[in-house]
Each structure stands twice: as structure tokens, then as C-alpha cells.
Amino acid sequence: MPPRRHLNLVDRGRALAWVQEGIRLREIAARLGCSHSVIVRLRQRFLAIGSVETRPRSGRPRSTTQRQDRYITRQAFQTRTTTASTIRRRLRVATNTDINEQTVRNRLHDQTLHARRQLGRILLTPRHMMARLAWSTRHLRWNRQQWAQILFSDEPRFSLEHDDGRTRVWMRPGERMIPACVRRRRAYRGGSVMVWAGISEHHRTPLYHVRGNLNALVYRDQILRPQVLPMLRQIGPHAVLQDDNAPPQRARLVDAFLQQVQINRMD
């Protein structure tokens, strides 16, 4: 660990007391974990001015005014995806003040604004929103024992199109979900692969790769019969299947099969 270059006020007082006791300067430096030159300068300063306090320093003058700081923050709020270089150019045009991009970031950081990746959100219709709210309200007070009887299943499609997520937005803590910080996109862009799986509190099914289209016949013969039925028997007599409203899962063929084998399905 490199030796310290500066000592706090308490350590300076300790060092001065040891100097007055006649302890060697190198030993004092070793005790405080600093270099020998620090103790030498400390003693010289005390002999010259009679104090070990740090003298006030003016520091480098601030490159922007408070009004310019507000302008920088306002630019970030007006368009959340605005980059630091763009804000810098706008500030130069508006106030004839030229600063570097890091200064822009520092001013935004002072206002707790940091560049973060946008949250992707699928577009939902008002009908979708009302249905999801109603479902959540119905199950709001379910306990863990009730949820343990559910086999959650889904067949997500993973897009193979590359998305590096380079777009950044300026946001404060807790602003991740506000509309200005959310990027709207279409689901499943480009090529994709679909898989199905089910999971409960203590069980999970194997991952099934859906080849081709998932229709009602494939869902019944390749997923429900070999995958879902054995798993529901492991969960217990009150097990419930949770799937979604995809057309293959709501087909009459599938409904008839579930009634035949007496599988309870969550609304």
C-alpha cells in the first residue's frame, strides 16, 4: 500500500506531539503510514507559522454558472435521449460557453441524473391493461400455499436480432418506468426461437424446443400430454395449470382434452 501524502488534523497533532517528544521523524512516518517528507514539511510549517491546519486554497474556478447548470439540466429533461455532446453544442450556441462533455455529465450527476439503458415495454391496449388489473386484484390476497399449487407455464420466443441497447436516457433514481425513459418497440424482431417450460414452487419441467408453429395439436400431444400431466401429478391433487390466452392454448381441442383428464386451469 503506497504511503499517504496527506494527514488529517488529528494525525497532524499526534505527529507534532511525537516530534516534541524527540521521536525520530522516520519512525513517526512509519507509525502514521506516510512518507518521511510529509513529516518534514509538517514540522517546518509548524515552526514557520505555529499551526498545523491546512491553509485555505482557492481551487480551480467553476467553468459554468448556476444559470448554465440549469440550462444543461433542462436540456436533459426535455429530451431524455440527448447526449452530452449535443448538450455541449447547444450550450455553446446559447451562451458562447465551451466546456467538455465530462463537465456536462458532472453537472447532470450533481442533479442525480445518470445515463441508463431504456426499459423496453411491449405496447398494451386498454383492454389488456384492464384485464391484467382485474386478474391481479382477484389474486392479491393469495397466500404461499395457494400459489404453491400453480404450475406456471409459458412459451417465450427469443429474438435472434442483435440489439446492443446503446441508447441511453438521463434519469433520476425511481424514474425508470416513466414514459420519457421507456423505449417502445415491436415484439420479437427478426428471426427467433420458441421454447416452452413450466415451473412451480418445488418443480420444473424440461425445456421443450418448439419446432415450427405451435398449434393446438402440437400443444396437446407434445406439451400437455408428456410434460404437463406428469408434473401436475407431482404437485398434488389440487394442482392448477396456468397458461395464457394464446390461440393454440384456447382451442376447443385443448379444452376438451383438459376436461377429459380433469386438469384445472387458472383463469
Protein backbone atom coordinates (compact mmCIF):
# COMPACT_ATOMS: atom_id res chain seq x y z
CA MET A 1 0.00 0.00 0.00
CA PRO A 2 1.57 3.38 -1.01
CA PRO A 3 2.27 5.87 1.78
CA ARG A 4 -0.23 8.65 2.38
CA ARG A 5 0.50 12.10 1.01
CA HIS A 6 -1.82 13.95 3.38
CA LEU A 7 -2.68 13.68 7.07
CA ASN A 8 -5.91 14.68 8.77
CA LEU A 9 -5.91 17.21 11.60
CA VAL A 10 -5.83 14.54 14.35
CA ASP A 11 -2.82 12.75 12.87
CA ARG A 12 -1.03 16.06 12.42
CA GLY A 13 -1.47 16.79 16.12
CA ARG A 14 -0.20 13.33 17.03
CA ALA A 15 2.80 13.75 14.76
CA LEU A 16 3.64 17.16 16.27
CA ALA A 17 3.38 15.75 19.80
CA TRP A 18 5.78 12.92 18.90
CA VAL A 19 8.20 15.46 17.36
CA GLN A 20 8.20 17.43 20.61
CA GLU A 21 8.87 14.19 22.50
CA GLY A 22 12.01 13.74 20.43
CA ILE A 23 10.92 10.72 18.37
CA ARG A 24 12.73 10.37 15.06
CA LEU A 25 10.83 11.69 12.04
CA ARG A 26 11.15 8.42 10.09
CA GLU A 27 9.64 6.47 13.00
CA ILE A 28 6.73 8.93 13.15
CA ALA A 29 6.19 8.50 9.41
CA ALA A 30 6.17 4.71 9.84
CA ARG A 31 3.60 4.92 12.66
CA LEU A 32 1.24 7.08 10.57
CA GLY A 33 1.82 5.25 7.29
CA CYS A 34 3.03 8.30 5.41
CA SER A 35 6.27 9.31 3.75
CA HIS A 36 9.18 10.93 5.61
CA SER A 37 8.80 14.15 3.58
CA VAL A 38 5.25 14.67 4.89
CA ILE A 39 6.51 14.81 8.48
CA VAL A 40 9.40 17.06 7.47
CA ARG A 41 7.06 19.59 5.81
CA LEU A 42 4.66 19.39 8.75
CA ARG A 43 7.41 20.31 11.23
CA GLN A 44 8.67 23.12 9.00
CA ARG A 45 5.16 24.59 8.67
CA PHE A 46 4.64 24.50 12.45
CA LEU A 47 7.98 26.21 13.06
CA ALA A 48 7.13 28.88 10.44
CA ILE A 49 3.50 29.74 11.25
CA GLY A 50 2.86 27.93 14.55
CA SER A 51 -0.06 25.88 13.23
CA VAL A 52 -0.67 22.53 11.55
CA GLU A 53 -4.02 23.44 9.96
CA THR A 54 -4.29 23.35 6.19
CA ARG A 55 -4.25 26.75 4.57
CA PRO A 56 -7.38 27.64 2.56
CA ARG A 57 -7.00 27.18 -1.20
CA SER A 58 -8.94 28.99 -3.88
CA GLY A 59 -9.19 25.99 -6.19
CA ARG A 60 -9.95 25.96 -9.89
CA PRO A 61 -12.79 28.36 -10.83
CA ARG A 62 -16.06 26.69 -11.87
CA SER A 63 -16.47 26.59 -15.65
CA THR A 64 -20.25 27.12 -15.63
CA THR A 65 -22.63 29.41 -13.82
CA GLN A 66 -25.76 28.33 -11.95
CA ARG A 67 -27.88 29.54 -14.86
CA GLN A 68 -25.87 27.42 -17.30
CA ASP A 69 -26.19 24.44 -14.95
CA ARG A 70 -29.97 24.84 -15.06
CA TYR A 71 -29.84 25.03 -18.85
CA ILE A 72 -27.91 21.74 -19.00
CA THR A 73 -30.41 20.02 -16.72
CA ARG A 74 -33.37 21.40 -18.67
CA GLN A 75 -31.95 20.07 -21.95
CA ALA A 76 -31.67 16.58 -20.48
CA PHE A 77 -35.26 16.70 -19.19
CA GLN A 78 -36.71 18.00 -22.45
CA THR A 79 -35.28 15.07 -24.46
CA ARG A 80 -34.13 12.20 -22.29
CA THR A 81 -32.06 10.62 -25.08
CA THR A 82 -30.00 13.78 -25.66
CA THR A 83 -26.28 13.01 -25.46
CA ALA A 84 -23.72 15.00 -23.51
CA SER A 85 -22.04 16.13 -26.75
CA THR A 86 -25.35 17.53 -28.05
CA ILE A 87 -25.97 19.43 -24.81
CA ARG A 88 -22.44 20.80 -25.01
CA ARG A 89 -23.03 22.11 -28.55
CA ARG A 90 -26.35 23.69 -27.59
CA LEU A 91 -24.78 25.37 -24.58
CA ARG A 92 -22.01 26.80 -26.76
CA VAL A 93 -24.55 28.24 -29.20
CA ALA A 94 -26.84 29.61 -26.48
CA THR A 95 -24.27 31.08 -24.07
CA ASN A 96 -20.97 31.12 -26.00
CA THR A 97 -19.51 28.88 -23.28
CA ASP A 98 -17.36 25.95 -24.38
CA ILE A 99 -16.96 23.08 -21.91
CA ASN A 100 -16.08 19.44 -22.40
CA GLU A 101 -18.56 16.57 -22.39
CA GLN A 102 -17.41 15.28 -19.00
CA THR A 103 -18.32 18.62 -17.43
CA VAL A 104 -21.83 18.23 -18.84
CA ARG A 105 -22.06 14.77 -17.29
CA ASN A 106 -20.76 16.09 -13.97
CA ARG A 107 -23.44 18.80 -13.88
CA LEU A 108 -26.13 16.20 -14.61
CA HIS A 109 -24.68 13.88 -11.98
CA ASP A 110 -24.96 16.73 -9.48
CA GLN A 111 -28.72 16.65 -10.17
CA THR A 112 -28.77 12.81 -9.70
CA LEU A 113 -29.21 12.30 -13.45
CA HIS A 114 -27.28 9.34 -14.86
CA ALA A 115 -27.29 7.73 -18.31
CA ARG A 116 -29.05 4.36 -18.17
CA ARG A 117 -30.42 1.90 -20.69
CA GLN A 118 -34.04 2.40 -21.66
CA LEU A 119 -36.62 -0.05 -20.39
CA GLY A 120 -38.27 -1.93 -23.26
CA ARG A 121 -42.04 -2.24 -22.95
CA ILE A 122 -44.49 -4.05 -25.19
CA LEU A 123 -47.43 -1.94 -26.36
CA LEU A 124 -50.63 -2.82 -24.44
CA THR A 125 -54.17 -1.89 -25.41
CA PRO A 126 -56.62 -0.52 -22.82
CA ARG A 127 -58.40 -3.90 -22.86
CA HIS A 128 -55.13 -5.66 -22.00
CA MET A 129 -54.50 -3.25 -19.14
CA MET A 130 -57.97 -3.70 -17.66
CA ALA A 131 -57.77 -7.49 -17.88
CA ARG A 132 -54.37 -7.60 -16.17
CA LEU A 133 -55.51 -5.27 -13.43
CA ALA A 134 -58.63 -7.36 -12.79
CA TRP A 135 -56.58 -10.58 -12.63
CA SER A 136 -54.10 -9.04 -10.19
CA THR A 137 -56.92 -7.77 -7.98
CA ARG A 138 -58.54 -11.22 -7.80
CA HIS A 139 -55.30 -12.87 -6.68
CA LEU A 140 -54.00 -10.06 -4.50
CA ARG A 141 -54.56 -11.88 -1.18
CA TRP A 142 -53.49 -15.37 -2.18
CA ASN A 143 -51.08 -16.97 0.29
CA ARG A 144 -47.99 -19.01 -0.45
CA GLN A 145 -49.81 -22.34 -0.05
CA GLN A 146 -52.28 -21.37 -2.77
CA TRP A 147 -49.54 -20.24 -5.15
CA ALA A 148 -47.61 -23.46 -4.50
CA GLN A 149 -50.39 -25.39 -6.31
CA ILE A 150 -49.86 -23.48 -9.54
CA LEU A 151 -47.78 -24.76 -12.46
CA PHE A 152 -46.75 -21.59 -14.29
CA SER A 153 -46.05 -22.19 -17.97
CA ASP A 154 -45.12 -20.06 -20.92
CA GLU A 155 -43.69 -20.37 -24.40
CA PRO A 156 -41.44 -17.32 -24.90
CA ARG A 157 -39.96 -16.51 -28.28
CA PHE A 158 -36.37 -15.24 -28.17
CA SER A 159 -35.44 -12.84 -30.91
CA LEU A 160 -32.19 -13.55 -32.70
CA GLU A 161 -31.80 -9.97 -33.91
CA HIS A 162 -28.95 -8.17 -32.18
CA ASP A 163 -29.84 -5.20 -30.01
CA ASP A 164 -26.87 -3.68 -28.18
CA GLY A 165 -29.03 -1.16 -26.28
CA ARG A 166 -26.61 1.73 -26.80
CA THR A 167 -29.29 4.37 -26.46
CA ARG A 168 -29.08 6.00 -23.04
CA VAL A 169 -31.51 8.31 -21.29
CA TRP A 170 -30.94 10.75 -18.45
CA MET A 171 -32.96 9.62 -15.45
CA ARG A 172 -33.10 10.10 -11.71
CA PRO A 173 -33.48 7.25 -9.22
CA GLY A 174 -37.03 5.90 -9.41
CA GLU A 175 -37.73 7.25 -12.93
CA ARG A 176 -37.13 4.01 -14.86
CA MET A 177 -40.85 3.47 -15.57
CA ILE A 178 -41.89 6.99 -16.58
CA PRO A 179 -42.86 7.37 -20.29
CA ALA A 180 -39.92 9.67 -21.09
CA CYS A 181 -37.46 6.91 -20.13
CA VAL A 182 -39.19 3.98 -21.88
CA ARG A 183 -38.41 2.85 -25.42
CA ARG A 184 -41.37 1.44 -27.32
CA ARG A 185 -40.62 -1.45 -29.65
CA ARG A 186 -42.22 -4.26 -31.56
CA ALA A 187 -42.04 -7.74 -30.06
CA TYR A 188 -39.79 -10.47 -31.48
CA ARG A 189 -37.94 -8.60 -34.22
CA GLY A 190 -36.01 -10.67 -36.76
CA GLY A 191 -35.51 -14.41 -36.58
CA SER A 192 -36.41 -16.20 -33.38
CA VAL A 193 -36.57 -19.48 -31.49
CA MET A 194 -39.51 -20.59 -29.32
CA VAL A 195 -39.25 -22.75 -26.20
CA TRP A 196 -41.79 -23.92 -23.62
CA ALA A 197 -41.33 -24.65 -19.92
CA GLY A 198 -43.32 -24.91 -16.71
CA ILE A 199 -42.30 -24.14 -13.14
CA SER A 200 -43.88 -24.38 -9.70
CA GLU A 201 -42.60 -23.77 -6.18
CA HIS A 202 -40.79 -27.12 -5.98
CA HIS A 203 -40.83 -28.49 -9.54
CA ARG A 204 -39.90 -27.60 -13.07
CA THR A 205 -40.38 -29.24 -16.44
CA PRO A 206 -37.67 -29.87 -19.02
CA LEU A 207 -37.16 -27.10 -21.56
CA TYR A 208 -39.04 -28.02 -24.73
CA HIS A 209 -37.91 -26.58 -28.07
CA VAL A 210 -40.93 -25.81 -30.24
CA ARG A 211 -40.02 -26.60 -33.83
CA GLY A 212 -42.21 -24.90 -36.37
CA ASN A 213 -45.56 -23.41 -35.44
CA LEU A 214 -47.19 -24.08 -32.10
CA ASN A 215 -50.75 -25.15 -32.91
CA ALA A 216 -53.38 -26.82 -30.76
CA LEU A 217 -52.42 -30.34 -31.87
CA VAL A 218 -48.72 -29.79 -31.06
CA TYR A 219 -49.63 -28.19 -27.74
CA ARG A 220 -51.79 -31.14 -26.71
CA ASP A 221 -49.64 -34.05 -27.95
CA GLN A 222 -46.11 -32.68 -27.33
CA ILE A 223 -46.56 -30.44 -24.30
CA LEU A 224 -49.72 -31.17 -22.31
CA ARG A 225 -49.67 -34.95 -22.50
CA PRO A 226 -45.92 -35.70 -21.96
CA GLN A 227 -44.89 -32.60 -19.96
CA VAL A 228 -47.80 -31.07 -18.05
CA LEU A 229 -49.70 -34.14 -16.86
CA PRO A 230 -46.73 -35.80 -15.03
CA MET A 231 -45.75 -32.50 -13.43
CA LEU A 232 -49.27 -31.76 -12.14
CA ARG A 233 -49.41 -35.21 -10.55
CA GLN A 234 -46.18 -34.42 -8.68
CA ILE A 235 -47.58 -31.11 -7.40
CA GLY A 236 -50.67 -32.78 -5.92
CA PRO A 237 -54.40 -33.35 -6.34
CA HIS A 238 -55.23 -29.63 -6.22
CA ALA A 239 -52.68 -28.60 -8.84
CA VAL A 240 -53.70 -25.88 -11.31
CA LEU A 241 -52.24 -25.14 -14.73
CA GLN A 242 -51.52 -21.55 -15.61
CA ASP A 243 -51.10 -20.73 -19.28
CA ASP A 244 -52.08 -17.69 -21.31
CA ASN A 245 -54.61 -16.72 -23.95
CA ALA A 246 -52.59 -17.78 -26.97
CA PRO A 247 -54.92 -19.21 -29.65
CA PRO A 248 -53.43 -22.76 -29.54
CA GLN A 249 -53.99 -22.92 -25.77
CA ARG A 250 -57.63 -21.79 -26.01
CA ALA A 251 -58.61 -24.07 -28.88
CA ARG A 252 -61.62 -26.38 -28.45
CA LEU A 253 -59.38 -29.42 -28.94
CA VAL A 254 -57.25 -28.34 -25.97
CA ASP A 255 -60.28 -27.51 -23.79
CA ALA A 256 -61.79 -30.92 -24.45
CA PHE A 257 -58.53 -32.67 -23.55
CA LEU A 258 -58.15 -30.75 -20.26
CA GLN A 259 -61.71 -31.62 -19.28
CA GLN A 260 -61.13 -35.24 -20.18
CA VAL A 261 -58.05 -35.60 -17.96
CA GLN A 262 -59.58 -33.31 -15.29
CA ILE A 263 -56.93 -30.60 -15.29
CA ASN A 264 -57.86 -27.38 -13.52
CA ARG A 265 -56.83 -24.27 -15.38
CA MET A 266 -56.29 -20.80 -13.94
CA ASP A 267 -58.45 -18.08 -15.44
